[in-house]
Amino acid sequence: MLELGRVILRLEKARRELLNTDPGDKEKLLAASRKVDELIVEYYRTKLGPKTAGSGAGR
């Protein structure tokens, strides 16, 4: 559960960076957006991790 909290904190930091990025700077905007996307995937992998192999119990 501690790992999930860390991922959430990193995701929120990346989200703030995305929101603070100048919309005219397409390269930085795309990089920040990709970072948020990667962290969303990491969040779900951490949250669902080894439980996905089972019957779904405990979700």
C-alpha atoms as a PDB file:
ATOM      1  CA  MET A   1       0.000   0.000   0.000  1.00  0.00           C
ATOM      2  CA  LEU A   2       2.950   2.302   0.633  1.00  0.00           C
ATOM      3  CA  GLU A   3       4.077   1.842  -2.963  1.00  0.00           C
ATOM      4  CA  LEU A   4       0.628   2.884  -4.195  1.00  0.00           C
ATOM      5  CA  GLY A   5       0.867   6.093  -2.172  1.00  0.00           C
ATOM      6  CA  ARG A   6       4.215   6.898  -3.716  1.00  0.00           C
ATOM      7  CA  VAL A   7       2.840   6.394  -7.216  1.00  0.00           C
ATOM      8  CA  ILE A   8      -0.090   8.683  -6.403  1.00  0.00           C
ATOM      9  CA  LEU A   9       2.273  11.407  -5.187  1.00  0.00           C
ATOM     10  CA  ARG A  10       4.385  11.132  -8.339  1.00  0.00           C
ATOM     11  CA  LEU A  11       1.234  11.226 -10.465  1.00  0.00           C
ATOM     12  CA  GLU A  12      -0.037  14.357  -8.727  1.00  0.00           C
ATOM     13  CA  LYS A  13       3.330  16.064  -9.154  1.00  0.00           C
ATOM     14  CA  ALA A  14       3.362  15.209 -12.870  1.00  0.00           C
ATOM     15  CA  ARG A  15      -0.239  16.389 -13.213  1.00  0.00           C
ATOM     16  CA  ARG A  16       0.646  19.760 -11.657  1.00  0.00           C
ATOM     17  CA  GLU A  17       3.591  20.079 -14.033  1.00  0.00           C
ATOM     18  CA  LEU A  18       1.293  19.338 -16.964  1.00  0.00           C
ATOM     19  CA  LEU A  19      -1.195  21.981 -15.843  1.00  0.00           C
ATOM     20  CA  ASN A  20       1.598  24.544 -15.424  1.00  0.00           C
ATOM     21  CA  THR A  21       3.109  23.860 -18.849  1.00  0.00           C
ATOM     22  CA  ASP A  22       2.744  26.626 -21.423  1.00  0.00           C
ATOM     23  CA  PRO A  23       0.161  25.435 -23.989  1.00  0.00           C
ATOM     24  CA  GLY A  24       2.232  27.059 -26.740  1.00  0.00           C
ATOM     25  CA  ASP A  25       5.246  24.842 -25.989  1.00  0.00           C
ATOM     26  CA  LYS A  26       4.087  21.691 -27.736  1.00  0.00           C
ATOM     27  CA  GLU A  27       7.236  19.667 -26.987  1.00  0.00           C
ATOM     28  CA  LYS A  28       7.071  20.256 -23.218  1.00  0.00           C
ATOM     29  CA  LEU A  29       3.321  19.742 -23.226  1.00  0.00           C
ATOM     30  CA  LEU A  30       3.666  16.401 -25.009  1.00  0.00           C
ATOM     31  CA  ALA A  31       6.466  15.277 -22.668  1.00  0.00           C
ATOM     32  CA  ALA A  32       4.458  16.201 -19.574  1.00  0.00           C
ATOM     33  CA  SER A  33       1.373  14.459 -20.962  1.00  0.00           C
ATOM     34  CA  ARG A  34       3.332  11.286 -21.687  1.00  0.00           C
ATOM     35  CA  LYS A  35       4.720  11.312 -18.149  1.00  0.00           C
ATOM     36  CA  VAL A  36       1.195  11.510 -16.715  1.00  0.00           C
ATOM     37  CA  ASP A  37       0.094   8.673 -19.014  1.00  0.00           C
ATOM     38  CA  GLU A  38       3.007   6.481 -17.887  1.00  0.00           C
ATOM     39  CA  LEU A  39       2.241   7.130 -14.232  1.00  0.00           C
ATOM     40  CA  ILE A  40      -1.438   6.292 -14.713  1.00  0.00           C
ATOM     41  CA  VAL A  41      -0.406   2.923 -16.145  1.00  0.00           C
ATOM     42  CA  GLU A  42       2.041   2.436 -13.247  1.00  0.00           C
ATOM     43  CA  TYR A  43      -0.748   3.288 -10.791  1.00  0.00           C
ATOM     44  CA  TYR A  44      -3.050   0.599 -12.173  1.00  0.00           C
ATOM     45  CA  ARG A  45      -0.238  -1.960 -12.358  1.00  0.00           C
ATOM     46  CA  THR A  46       0.605  -1.269  -8.732  1.00  0.00           C
ATOM     47  CA  LYS A  47      -3.019  -1.256  -7.619  1.00  0.00           C
ATOM     48  CA  LEU A  48      -4.066  -4.404  -9.477  1.00  0.00           C
ATOM     49  CA  GLY A  49      -0.658  -6.130  -9.543  1.00  0.00           C
ATOM     50  CA  PRO A  50      -0.632  -9.804  -8.578  1.00  0.00           C
ATOM     51  CA  LYS A  51      -4.367  -9.847  -7.778  1.00  0.00           C
ATOM     52  CA  THR A  52      -5.240  -9.866 -11.492  1.00  0.00           C
ATOM     53  CA  ALA A  53      -4.135 -13.508 -11.794  1.00  0.00           C
ATOM     54  CA  GLY A  54      -6.814 -14.626  -9.335  1.00  0.00           C
ATOM     55  CA  SER A  55     -10.586 -14.515  -9.398  1.00  0.00           C
ATOM     56  CA  GLY A  56     -10.722 -10.813  -8.600  1.00  0.00           C
ATOM     57  CA  ALA A  57     -11.323 -11.356  -4.892  1.00  0.00           C
ATOM     58  CA  GLY A  58     -10.132  -8.611  -2.616  1.00  0.00           C
ATOM     59  CA  ARG A  59     -10.719  -5.703  -4.976  1.00  0.00           C
END
